[in-house]
Amino acid sequence: MEITRSKGPDELPTWEDIDKMKFSWNVARELLRLTPLAEGAFRETTTDFTYAGFTIPKGWKTFWTVHSTQKNQMCFRDPEKFDISRFEGCGPAPYTFVPFGGGP
């Protein structure tokens, strides 16, 4: 409301204004966490690699679902509860909340 009051009647918010809307962004992120746009996606390794003594070959396919992280109790306390405070401060751990993917 403060941003709206600072604008003229025909003036739209700027990117700087939107960046200041921390509460609104936290609400949007929590909505995306609880109601994701996509339920899952196939991931494919791009190179051979070894982890913990196991070799994972290039082209290995896995299926990731938001329930793996976004609704997992190990990643989010009380995962079915709407709680925008999850995104305050530094927010959730990396790759536990990935509404638009986490890159290659």
PDB file of N, CA and C in Angstrom:
ATOM      1  N   MET A   1       0.836  -1.195   0.000  1.00  0.00           N
ATOM      2  CA  MET A   1       0.000   0.000   0.000  1.00  0.00           C
ATOM      3  C   MET A   1       0.878   1.254   0.000  1.00  0.00           C
ATOM      4  N   GLU A   2       1.997   1.182   0.715  1.00  0.00           N
ATOM      5  CA  GLU A   2       2.905   2.324   0.767  1.00  0.00           C
ATOM      6  C   GLU A   2       3.432   2.664  -0.630  1.00  0.00           C
ATOM      7  N   ILE A   3       3.769   1.658  -1.395  1.00  0.00           N
ATOM      8  CA  ILE A   3       4.261   1.879  -2.756  1.00  0.00           C
ATOM      9  C   ILE A   3       3.157   2.470  -3.623  1.00  0.00           C
ATOM     10  N   THR A   4       1.950   1.964  -3.497  1.00  0.00           N
ATOM     11  CA  THR A   4       0.819   2.479  -4.265  1.00  0.00           C
ATOM     12  C   THR A   4       0.576   3.946  -3.946  1.00  0.00           C
ATOM     13  N   ARG A   5       0.642   4.315  -2.674  1.00  0.00           N
ATOM     14  CA  ARG A   5       0.425   5.713  -2.274  1.00  0.00           C
ATOM     15  C   ARG A   5       1.508   6.641  -2.824  1.00  0.00           C
ATOM     16  N   SER A   6       2.701   6.109  -3.067  1.00  0.00           N
ATOM     17  CA  SER A   6       3.800   6.943  -3.557  1.00  0.00           C
ATOM     18  C   SER A   6       3.741   7.169  -5.067  1.00  0.00           C
ATOM     19  N   LYS A   7       2.812   6.520  -5.750  1.00  0.00           N
ATOM     20  CA  LYS A   7       2.691   6.618  -7.197  1.00  0.00           C
ATOM     21  C   LYS A   7       1.569   7.566  -7.598  1.00  0.00           C
ATOM     22  N   GLY A   8       1.692   8.113  -8.803  1.00  0.00           N
ATOM     23  CA  GLY A   8       0.620   8.923  -9.360  1.00  0.00           C
ATOM     24  C   GLY A   8      -0.519   8.027  -9.819  1.00  0.00           C
ATOM     25  N   PRO A   9      -1.683   8.613 -10.160  1.00  0.00           N
ATOM     26  CA  PRO A   9      -2.853   7.808 -10.530  1.00  0.00           C
ATOM     27  C   PRO A   9      -2.631   6.900 -11.746  1.00  0.00           C
ATOM     28  N   ASP A  10      -1.790   7.304 -12.693  1.00  0.00           N
ATOM     29  CA  ASP A  10      -1.546   6.494 -13.889  1.00  0.00           C
ATOM     30  C   ASP A  10      -0.145   5.899 -13.908  1.00  0.00           C
ATOM     31  N   GLU A  11       0.559   5.954 -12.787  1.00  0.00           N
ATOM     32  CA  GLU A  11       1.941   5.480 -12.727  1.00  0.00           C
ATOM     33  C   GLU A  11       1.988   4.025 -12.264  1.00  0.00           C
ATOM     34  N   LEU A  12       2.699   3.193 -13.033  1.00  0.00           N
ATOM     35  CA  LEU A  12       2.832   1.771 -12.712  1.00  0.00           C
ATOM     36  C   LEU A  12       4.055   1.540 -11.829  1.00  0.00           C
ATOM     37  N   PRO A  13       4.070   0.433 -11.074  1.00  0.00           N
ATOM     38  CA  PRO A  13       5.247   0.127 -10.263  1.00  0.00           C
ATOM     39  C   PRO A  13       6.471  -0.147 -11.135  1.00  0.00           C
ATOM     40  N   THR A  14       7.637   0.206 -10.647  1.00  0.00           N
ATOM     41  CA  THR A  14       8.894  -0.088 -11.333  1.00  0.00           C
ATOM     42  C   THR A  14       9.438  -1.403 -10.781  1.00  0.00           C
ATOM     43  N   TRP A  15      10.503  -1.921 -11.428  1.00  0.00           N
ATOM     44  CA  TRP A  15      11.138  -3.143 -10.916  1.00  0.00           C
ATOM     45  C   TRP A  15      11.673  -2.905  -9.511  1.00  0.00           C
ATOM     46  N   GLU A  16      12.152  -1.707  -9.242  1.00  0.00           N
ATOM     47  CA  GLU A  16      12.653  -1.383  -7.898  1.00  0.00           C
ATOM     48  C   GLU A  16      11.518  -1.454  -6.876  1.00  0.00           C
ATOM     49  N   ASP A  17      10.344  -0.973  -7.269  1.00  0.00           N
ATOM     50  CA  ASP A  17       9.174  -1.045  -6.377  1.00  0.00           C
ATOM     51  C   ASP A  17       8.817  -2.497  -6.085  1.00  0.00           C
ATOM     52  N   ILE A  18       8.784  -3.298  -7.133  1.00  0.00           N
ATOM     53  CA  ILE A  18       8.420  -4.707  -6.978  1.00  0.00           C
ATOM     54  C   ILE A  18       9.424  -5.432  -6.089  1.00  0.00           C
ATOM     55  N   ASP A  19      10.697  -5.105  -6.244  1.00  0.00           N
ATOM     56  CA  ASP A  19      11.741  -5.734  -5.425  1.00  0.00           C
ATOM     57  C   ASP A  19      11.558  -5.418  -3.936  1.00  0.00           C
ATOM     58  N   LYS A  20      10.930  -4.295  -3.639  1.00  0.00           N
ATOM     59  CA  LYS A  20      10.695  -3.905  -2.238  1.00  0.00           C
ATOM     60  C   LYS A  20       9.520  -4.663  -1.604  1.00  0.00           C
ATOM     61  N   MET A  21       8.727  -5.339  -2.393  1.00  0.00           N
ATOM     62  CA  MET A  21       7.519  -6.024  -1.911  1.00  0.00           C
ATOM     63  C   MET A  21       7.867  -7.398  -1.344  1.00  0.00           C
ATOM     64  N   LYS A  22       8.640  -7.431  -0.273  1.00  0.00           N
ATOM     65  CA  LYS A  22       9.116  -8.691   0.312  1.00  0.00           C
ATOM     66  C   LYS A  22       7.958  -9.581   0.778  1.00  0.00           C
ATOM     67  N   PHE A  23       6.967  -9.006   1.440  1.00  0.00           N
ATOM     68  CA  PHE A  23       5.837  -9.785   1.939  1.00  0.00           C
ATOM     69  C   PHE A  23       5.101 -10.448   0.771  1.00  0.00           C
ATOM     70  N   SER A  24       4.840  -9.676  -0.293  1.00  0.00           N
ATOM     71  CA  SER A  24       4.136 -10.212  -1.464  1.00  0.00           C
ATOM     72  C   SER A  24       4.931 -11.335  -2.116  1.00  0.00           C
ATOM     73  N   TRP A  25       6.257 -11.156  -2.240  1.00  0.00           N
ATOM     74  CA  TRP A  25       7.091 -12.207  -2.824  1.00  0.00           C
ATOM     75  C   TRP A  25       7.075 -13.463  -1.965  1.00  0.00           C
ATOM     76  N   ASN A  26       7.096 -13.299  -0.644  1.00  0.00           N
ATOM     77  CA  ASN A  26       7.048 -14.470   0.242  1.00  0.00           C
ATOM     78  C   ASN A  26       5.730 -15.220   0.089  1.00  0.00           C
ATOM     79  N   VAL A  27       4.631 -14.491  -0.058  1.00  0.00           N
ATOM     80  CA  VAL A  27       3.326 -15.122  -0.278  1.00  0.00           C
ATOM     81  C   VAL A  27       3.348 -15.892  -1.599  1.00  0.00           C
ATOM     82  N   ALA A  28       3.854 -15.261  -2.660  1.00  0.00           N
ATOM     83  CA  ALA A  28       3.906 -15.920  -3.969  1.00  0.00           C
ATOM     84  C   ALA A  28       4.766 -17.179  -3.912  1.00  0.00           C
ATOM     85  N   ARG A  29       5.917 -17.120  -3.252  1.00  0.00           N
ATOM     86  CA  ARG A  29       6.791 -18.290  -3.163  1.00  0.00           C
ATOM     87  C   ARG A  29       6.135 -19.425  -2.375  1.00  0.00           C
ATOM     88  N   GLU A  30       5.473 -19.086  -1.282  1.00  0.00           N
ATOM     89  CA  GLU A  30       4.822 -20.137  -0.491  1.00  0.00           C
ATOM     90  C   GLU A  30       3.672 -20.763  -1.282  1.00  0.00           C
ATOM     91  N   LEU A  31       2.947 -19.966  -2.055  1.00  0.00           N
ATOM     92  CA  LEU A  31       1.894 -20.525  -2.912  1.00  0.00           C
ATOM     93  C   LEU A  31       2.487 -21.471  -3.952  1.00  0.00           C
ATOM     94  N   LEU A  32       3.608 -21.093  -4.547  1.00  0.00           N
ATOM     95  CA  LEU A  32       4.265 -21.966  -5.525  1.00  0.00           C
ATOM     96  C   LEU A  32       4.822 -23.225  -4.873  1.00  0.00           C
ATOM     97  N   ARG A  33       5.242 -23.120  -3.619  1.00  0.00           N
ATOM     98  CA  ARG A  33       5.750 -24.302  -2.913  1.00  0.00           C
ATOM     99  C   ARG A  33       4.613 -25.290  -2.670  1.00  0.00           C
ATOM    100  N   LEU A  34       3.467 -24.785  -2.235  1.00  0.00           N
ATOM    101  CA  LEU A  34       2.332 -25.651  -1.915  1.00  0.00           C
ATOM    102  C   LEU A  34       1.571 -26.126  -3.152  1.00  0.00           C
ATOM    103  N   THR A  35       1.506 -25.289  -4.180  1.00  0.00           N
ATOM    104  CA  THR A  35       0.759 -25.607  -5.389  1.00  0.00           C
ATOM    105  C   THR A  35       1.675 -25.380  -6.585  1.00  0.00           C
ATOM    106  N   PRO A  36       2.578 -26.303  -6.843  1.00  0.00           N
ATOM    107  CA  PRO A  36       3.570 -26.103  -7.906  1.00  0.00           C
ATOM    108  C   PRO A  36       2.942 -26.063  -9.295  1.00  0.00           C
ATOM    109  N   LEU A  37       3.638 -25.377 -10.190  1.00  0.00           N
ATOM    110  CA  LEU A  37       3.186 -25.298 -11.583  1.00  0.00           C
ATOM    111  C   LEU A  37       3.334 -26.629 -12.286  1.00  0.00           C
ATOM    112  N   ALA A  38       4.350 -27.394 -11.910  1.00  0.00           N
ATOM    113  CA  ALA A  38       4.586 -28.713 -12.500  1.00  0.00           C
ATOM    114  C   ALA A  38       4.830 -29.698 -11.364  1.00  0.00           C
ATOM    115  N   GLU A  39       4.384 -30.910 -11.531  1.00  0.00           N
ATOM    116  CA  GLU A  39       4.542 -31.911 -10.474  1.00  0.00           C
ATOM    117  C   GLU A  39       5.900 -32.589 -10.495  1.00  0.00           C
ATOM    118  N   GLY A  40       6.576 -32.575 -11.613  1.00  0.00           N
ATOM    119  CA  GLY A  40       7.861 -33.246 -11.672  1.00  0.00           C
ATOM    120  C   GLY A  40       8.482 -33.113 -13.047  1.00  0.00           C
ATOM    121  N   ALA A  41       9.699 -33.593 -13.148  1.00  0.00           N
ATOM    122  CA  ALA A  41      10.408 -33.503 -14.422  1.00  0.00           C
ATOM    123  C   ALA A  41      11.490 -34.563 -14.472  1.00  0.00           C
ATOM    124  N   PHE A  42      11.775 -35.010 -15.679  1.00  0.00           N
ATOM    125  CA  PHE A  42      12.901 -35.914 -15.864  1.00  0.00           C
ATOM    126  C   PHE A  42      14.176 -35.100 -15.904  1.00  0.00           C
ATOM    127  N   ARG A  43      15.202 -35.613 -15.268  1.00  0.00           N
ATOM    128  CA  ARG A  43      16.527 -34.994 -15.291  1.00  0.00           C
ATOM    129  C   ARG A  43      17.474 -36.004 -15.911  1.00  0.00           C
ATOM    130  N   GLU A  44      18.453 -35.513 -16.651  1.00  0.00           N
ATOM    131  CA  GLU A  44      19.408 -36.394 -17.309  1.00  0.00           C
ATOM    132  C   GLU A  44      20.818 -35.878 -17.054  1.00  0.00           C
ATOM    133  N   THR A  45      21.729 -36.789 -16.674  1.00  0.00           N
ATOM    134  CA  THR A  45      23.109 -36.377 -16.444  1.00  0.00           C
ATOM    135  C   THR A  45      23.752 -35.984 -17.770  1.00  0.00           C
ATOM    136  N   THR A  46      24.619 -34.985 -17.714  1.00  0.00           N
ATOM    137  CA  THR A  46      25.257 -34.486 -18.938  1.00  0.00           C
ATOM    138  C   THR A  46      26.677 -35.009 -19.101  1.00  0.00           C
ATOM    139  N   THR A  47      27.254 -35.578 -18.035  1.00  0.00           N
ATOM    140  CA  THR A  47      28.594 -36.171 -18.097  1.00  0.00           C
ATOM    141  C   THR A  47      28.640 -37.372 -17.158  1.00  0.00           C
ATOM    142  N   ASP A  48      29.602 -38.250 -17.365  1.00  0.00           N
ATOM    143  CA  ASP A  48      29.842 -39.327 -16.399  1.00  0.00           C
ATOM    144  C   ASP A  48      30.411 -38.698 -15.137  1.00  0.00           C
ATOM    145  N   PHE A  49      30.015 -39.193 -13.975  1.00  0.00           N
ATOM    146  CA  PHE A  49      30.644 -38.736 -12.738  1.00  0.00           C
ATOM    147  C   PHE A  49      30.576 -39.829 -11.689  1.00  0.00           C
ATOM    148  N   THR A  50      31.458 -39.729 -10.712  1.00  0.00           N
ATOM    149  CA  THR A  50      31.510 -40.707  -9.623  1.00  0.00           C
ATOM    150  C   THR A  50      31.156 -40.006  -8.331  1.00  0.00           C
ATOM    151  N   TYR A  51      30.274 -40.655  -7.563  1.00  0.00           N
ATOM    152  CA  TYR A  51      29.862 -40.116  -6.273  1.00  0.00           C
ATOM    153  C   TYR A  51      29.805 -41.266  -5.282  1.00  0.00           C
ATOM    154  N   ALA A  52      30.489 -41.103  -4.161  1.00  0.00           N
ATOM    155  CA  ALA A  52      30.497 -42.099  -3.086  1.00  0.00           C
ATOM    156  C   ALA A  52      30.832 -43.497  -3.613  1.00  0.00           C
ATOM    157  N   GLY A  53      31.758 -43.556  -4.567  1.00  0.00           N
ATOM    158  CA  GLY A  53      32.187 -44.843  -5.093  1.00  0.00           C
ATOM    159  C   GLY A  53      31.317 -45.409  -6.197  1.00  0.00           C
ATOM    160  N   PHE A  54      30.255 -44.717  -6.564  1.00  0.00           N
ATOM    161  CA  PHE A  54      29.363 -45.180  -7.628  1.00  0.00           C
ATOM    162  C   PHE A  54      29.558 -44.308  -8.857  1.00  0.00           C
ATOM    163  N   THR A  55      29.655 -44.925 -10.020  1.00  0.00           N
ATOM    164  CA  THR A  55      29.775 -44.177 -11.267  1.00  0.00           C
ATOM    165  C   THR A  55      28.394 -44.014 -11.886  1.00  0.00           C
ATOM    166  N   ILE A  56      28.039 -42.776 -12.156  1.00  0.00           N
ATOM    167  CA  ILE A  56      26.767 -42.460 -12.798  1.00  0.00           C
ATOM    168  C   ILE A  56      27.087 -42.093 -14.249  1.00  0.00           C
ATOM    169  N   PRO A  57      26.567 -42.834 -15.220  1.00  0.00           N
ATOM    170  CA  PRO A  57      26.929 -42.578 -16.616  1.00  0.00           C
ATOM    171  C   PRO A  57      26.175 -41.386 -17.210  1.00  0.00           C
ATOM    172  N   LYS A  58      26.804 -40.778 -18.217  1.00  0.00           N
ATOM    173  CA  LYS A  58      26.147 -39.720 -18.974  1.00  0.00           C
ATOM    174  C   LYS A  58      24.854 -40.282 -19.567  1.00  0.00           C
ATOM    175  N   GLY A  59      23.784 -39.481 -19.510  1.00  0.00           N
ATOM    176  CA  GLY A  59      22.510 -39.921 -20.054  1.00  0.00           C
ATOM    177  C   GLY A  59      21.605 -40.622 -19.052  1.00  0.00           C
ATOM    178  N   TRP A  60      22.084 -40.818 -17.810  1.00  0.00           N
ATOM    179  CA  TRP A  60      21.274 -41.462 -16.771  1.00  0.00           C
ATOM    180  C   TRP A  60      20.074 -40.570 -16.480  1.00  0.00           C
ATOM    181  N   LYS A  61      18.876 -41.134 -16.472  1.00  0.00           N
ATOM    182  CA  LYS A  61      17.667 -40.342 -16.266  1.00  0.00           C
ATOM    183  C   LYS A  61      17.077 -40.624 -14.892  1.00  0.00           C
ATOM    184  N   THR A  62      16.660 -39.550 -14.244  1.00  0.00           N
ATOM    185  CA  THR A  62      15.958 -39.665 -12.975  1.00  0.00           C
ATOM    186  C   THR A  62      14.694 -38.828 -13.063  1.00  0.00           C
ATOM    187  N   PHE A  63      13.763 -39.096 -12.188  1.00  0.00           N
ATOM    188  CA  PHE A  63      12.538 -38.301 -12.138  1.00  0.00           C
ATOM    189  C   PHE A  63      12.506 -37.569 -10.815  1.00  0.00           C
ATOM    190  N   TRP A  64      12.413 -36.257 -10.891  1.00  0.00           N
ATOM    191  CA  TRP A  64      12.320 -35.422  -9.690  1.00  0.00           C
ATOM    192  C   TRP A  64      10.889 -34.944  -9.562  1.00  0.00           C
ATOM    193  N   THR A  65      10.368 -34.974  -8.359  1.00  0.00           N
ATOM    194  CA  THR A  65       9.032 -34.453  -8.099  1.00  0.00           C
ATOM    195  C   THR A  65       9.102 -33.445  -6.963  1.00  0.00           C
ATOM    196  N   VAL A  66       8.203 -32.487  -6.970  1.00  0.00           N
ATOM    197  CA  VAL A  66       8.230 -31.461  -5.915  1.00  0.00           C
ATOM    198  C   VAL A  66       8.045 -32.082  -4.538  1.00  0.00           C
ATOM    199  N   HIS A  67       7.422 -33.243  -4.482  1.00  0.00           N
ATOM    200  CA  HIS A  67       7.240 -33.900  -3.191  1.00  0.00           C
ATOM    201  C   HIS A  67       8.573 -34.397  -2.632  1.00  0.00           C
ATOM    202  N   SER A  68       9.587 -34.488  -3.505  1.00  0.00           N
ATOM    203  CA  SER A  68      10.918 -34.900  -3.054  1.00  0.00           C
ATOM    204  C   SER A  68      11.516 -33.864  -2.110  1.00  0.00           C
ATOM    205  N   THR A  69      11.198 -32.607  -2.333  1.00  0.00           N
ATOM    206  CA  THR A  69      11.787 -31.549  -1.508  1.00  0.00           C
ATOM    207  C   THR A  69      10.755 -30.573  -0.977  1.00  0.00           C
ATOM    208  N   GLN A  70       9.944 -29.984  -1.847  1.00  0.00           N
ATOM    209  CA  GLN A  70       9.057 -28.898  -1.436  1.00  0.00           C
ATOM    210  C   GLN A  70       7.996 -29.314  -0.419  1.00  0.00           C
ATOM    211  N   LYS A  71       7.676 -30.598  -0.360  1.00  0.00           N
ATOM    212  CA  LYS A  71       6.696 -31.064   0.625  1.00  0.00           C
ATOM    213  C   LYS A  71       7.285 -32.152   1.509  1.00  0.00           C
ATOM    214  N   ASN A  72       8.597 -32.117   1.641  1.00  0.00           N
ATOM    215  CA  ASN A  72       9.310 -33.097   2.452  1.00  0.00           C
ATOM    216  C   ASN A  72       9.565 -32.514   3.842  1.00  0.00           C
ATOM    217  N   GLN A  73       9.223 -33.275   4.889  1.00  0.00           N
ATOM    218  CA  GLN A  73       9.416 -32.806   6.267  1.00  0.00           C
ATOM    219  C   GLN A  73      10.884 -32.565   6.598  1.00  0.00           C
ATOM    220  N   MET A  74      11.776 -33.243   5.911  1.00  0.00           N
ATOM    221  CA  MET A  74      13.197 -33.037   6.169  1.00  0.00           C
ATOM    222  C   MET A  74      13.662 -31.680   5.632  1.00  0.00           C
ATOM    223  N   CYS A  75      12.940 -31.139   4.650  1.00  0.00           N
ATOM    224  CA  CYS A  75      13.299 -29.848   4.064  1.00  0.00           C
ATOM    225  C   CYS A  75      12.462 -28.699   4.614  1.00  0.00           C
ATOM    226  N   PHE A  76      11.205 -28.967   4.929  1.00  0.00           N
ATOM    227  CA  PHE A  76      10.284 -27.937   5.418  1.00  0.00           C
ATOM    228  C   PHE A  76       9.505 -28.458   6.615  1.00  0.00           C
ATOM    229  N   ARG A  77       9.630 -27.779   7.733  1.00  0.00           N
ATOM    230  CA  ARG A  77       8.862 -28.147   8.922  1.00  0.00           C
ATOM    231  C   ARG A  77       7.370 -27.929   8.626  1.00  0.00           C
ATOM    232  N   ASP A  78       6.555 -28.885   8.978  1.00  0.00           N
ATOM    233  CA  ASP A  78       5.104 -28.806   8.768  1.00  0.00           C
ATOM    234  C   ASP A  78       4.808 -28.430   7.304  1.00  0.00           C
ATOM    235  N   PRO A  79       5.198 -29.276   6.342  1.00  0.00           N
ATOM    236  CA  PRO A  79       5.187 -28.914   4.923  1.00  0.00           C
ATOM    237  C   PRO A  79       3.832 -28.600   4.311  1.00  0.00           C
ATOM    238  N   GLU A  80       2.737 -29.054   4.888  1.00  0.00           N
ATOM    239  CA  GLU A  80       1.416 -28.774   4.322  1.00  0.00           C
ATOM    240  C   GLU A  80       0.825 -27.466   4.837  1.00  0.00           C
ATOM    241  N   LYS A  81       1.496 -26.835   5.794  1.00  0.00           N
ATOM    242  CA  LYS A  81       1.014 -25.584   6.388  1.00  0.00           C
ATOM    243  C   LYS A  81       1.481 -24.392   5.555  1.00  0.00           C
ATOM    244  N   PHE A  82       0.596 -23.419   5.337  1.00  0.00           N
ATOM    245  CA  PHE A  82       0.943 -22.178   4.654  1.00  0.00           C
ATOM    246  C   PHE A  82       1.695 -21.289   5.642  1.00  0.00           C
ATOM    247  N   ASP A  83       2.962 -21.021   5.363  1.00  0.00           N
ATOM    248  CA  ASP A  83       3.804 -20.260   6.288  1.00  0.00           C
ATOM    249  C   ASP A  83       4.814 -19.437   5.496  1.00  0.00           C
ATOM    250  N   ILE A  84       4.527 -18.143   5.305  1.00  0.00           N
ATOM    251  CA  ILE A  84       5.411 -17.311   4.493  1.00  0.00           C
ATOM    252  C   ILE A  84       6.726 -16.999   5.200  1.00  0.00           C
ATOM    253  N   SER A  85       6.814 -17.258   6.495  1.00  0.00           N
ATOM    254  CA  SER A  85       8.063 -16.977   7.201  1.00  0.00           C
ATOM    255  C   SER A  85       9.196 -17.899   6.730  1.00  0.00           C
ATOM    256  N   ARG A  86       8.874 -18.969   6.002  1.00  0.00           N
ATOM    257  CA  ARG A  86       9.903 -19.869   5.469  1.00  0.00           C
ATOM    258  C   ARG A  86      10.867 -19.124   4.549  1.00  0.00           C
ATOM    259  N   PHE A  87      10.408 -18.030   3.959  1.00  0.00           N
ATOM    260  CA  PHE A  87      11.199 -17.309   2.963  1.00  0.00           C
ATOM    261  C   PHE A  87      11.829 -16.036   3.509  1.00  0.00           C
ATOM    262  N   GLU A  88      11.759 -15.831   4.805  1.00  0.00           N
ATOM    263  CA  GLU A  88      12.415 -14.672   5.408  1.00  0.00           C
ATOM    264  C   GLU A  88      13.891 -14.974   5.607  1.00  0.00           C
ATOM    265  N   GLY A  89      14.690 -13.940   5.696  1.00  0.00           N
ATOM    266  CA  GLY A  89      16.126 -14.136   5.888  1.00  0.00           C
ATOM    267  C   GLY A  89      16.745 -14.769   4.659  1.00  0.00           C
ATOM    268  N   CYS A  90      17.508 -15.833   4.851  1.00  0.00           N
ATOM    269  CA  CYS A  90      18.166 -16.481   3.710  1.00  0.00           C
ATOM    270  C   CYS A  90      17.249 -17.504   3.038  1.00  0.00           C
ATOM    271  N   GLY A  91      16.076 -17.784   3.604  1.00  0.00           N
ATOM    272  CA  GLY A  91      15.111 -18.682   2.973  1.00  0.00           C
ATOM    273  C   GLY A  91      15.502 -20.147   3.073  1.00  0.00           C
ATOM    274  N   PRO A  92      14.823 -20.998   2.308  1.00  0.00           N
ATOM    275  CA  PRO A  92      15.089 -22.435   2.372  1.00  0.00           C
ATOM    276  C   PRO A  92      16.452 -22.790   1.780  1.00  0.00           C
ATOM    277  N   ALA A  93      16.906 -23.974   2.111  1.00  0.00           N
ATOM    278  CA  ALA A  93      18.193 -24.461   1.599  1.00  0.00           C
ATOM    279  C   ALA A  93      18.153 -24.553   0.075  1.00  0.00           C
ATOM    280  N   PRO A  94      19.296 -24.381  -0.581  1.00  0.00           N
ATOM    281  CA  PRO A  94      19.333 -24.469  -2.044  1.00  0.00           C
ATOM    282  C   PRO A  94      18.755 -25.789  -2.558  1.00  0.00           C
ATOM    283  N   TYR A  95      18.003 -25.694  -3.647  1.00  0.00           N
ATOM    284  CA  TYR A  95      17.394 -26.821  -4.371  1.00  0.00           C
ATOM    285  C   TYR A  95      16.317 -27.567  -3.578  1.00  0.00           C
ATOM    286  N   THR A  96      15.839 -26.979  -2.476  1.00  0.00           N
ATOM    287  CA  THR A  96      14.665 -27.558  -1.814  1.00  0.00           C
ATOM    288  C   THR A  96      13.399 -26.895  -2.318  1.00  0.00           C
ATOM    289  N   PHE A  97      13.518 -25.683  -2.851  1.00  0.00           N
ATOM    290  CA  PHE A  97      12.394 -24.952  -3.441  1.00  0.00           C
ATOM    291  C   PHE A  97      12.815 -24.549  -4.842  1.00  0.00           C
ATOM    292  N   VAL A  98      12.270 -25.215  -5.848  1.00  0.00           N
ATOM    293  CA  VAL A  98      12.661 -24.970  -7.236  1.00  0.00           C
ATOM    294  C   VAL A  98      11.412 -24.885  -8.126  1.00  0.00           C
ATOM    295  N   PRO A  99      10.625 -23.805  -7.988  1.00  0.00           N
ATOM    296  CA  PRO A  99       9.376 -23.745  -8.743  1.00  0.00           C
ATOM    297  C   PRO A  99       9.554 -23.674 -10.253  1.00  0.00           C
ATOM    298  N   PHE A 100      10.714 -23.202 -10.713  1.00  0.00           N
ATOM    299  CA  PHE A 100      10.955 -23.089 -12.149  1.00  0.00           C
ATOM    300  C   PHE A 100      12.197 -23.856 -12.568  1.00  0.00           C
ATOM    301  N   GLY A 101      12.611 -24.823 -11.770  1.00  0.00           N
ATOM    302  CA  GLY A 101      13.791 -25.615 -12.080  1.00  0.00           C
ATOM    303  C   GLY A 101      15.040 -25.035 -11.442  1.00  0.00           C
ATOM    304  N   GLY A 102      16.079 -25.831 -11.417  1.00  0.00           N
ATOM    305  CA  GLY A 102      17.320 -25.422 -10.772  1.00  0.00           C
ATOM    306  C   GLY A 102      18.489 -25.311 -11.712  1.00  0.00           C
ATOM    307  N   GLY A 103      18.227 -25.267 -13.011  1.00  0.00           N
ATOM    308  CA  GLY A 103      19.306 -25.177 -13.990  1.00  0.00           C
ATOM    309  C   GLY A 103      19.694 -26.556 -14.497  1.00  0.00           C
ATOM    310  N   PRO A 104      20.721 -26.597 -15.335  1.00  0.00           N
ATOM    311  CA  PRO A 104      21.103 -27.894 -15.915  1.00  0.00           C
ATOM    312  C   PRO A 104      21.703 -28.835 -14.872  1.00  0.00           C
TER     313      PRO A 104
END
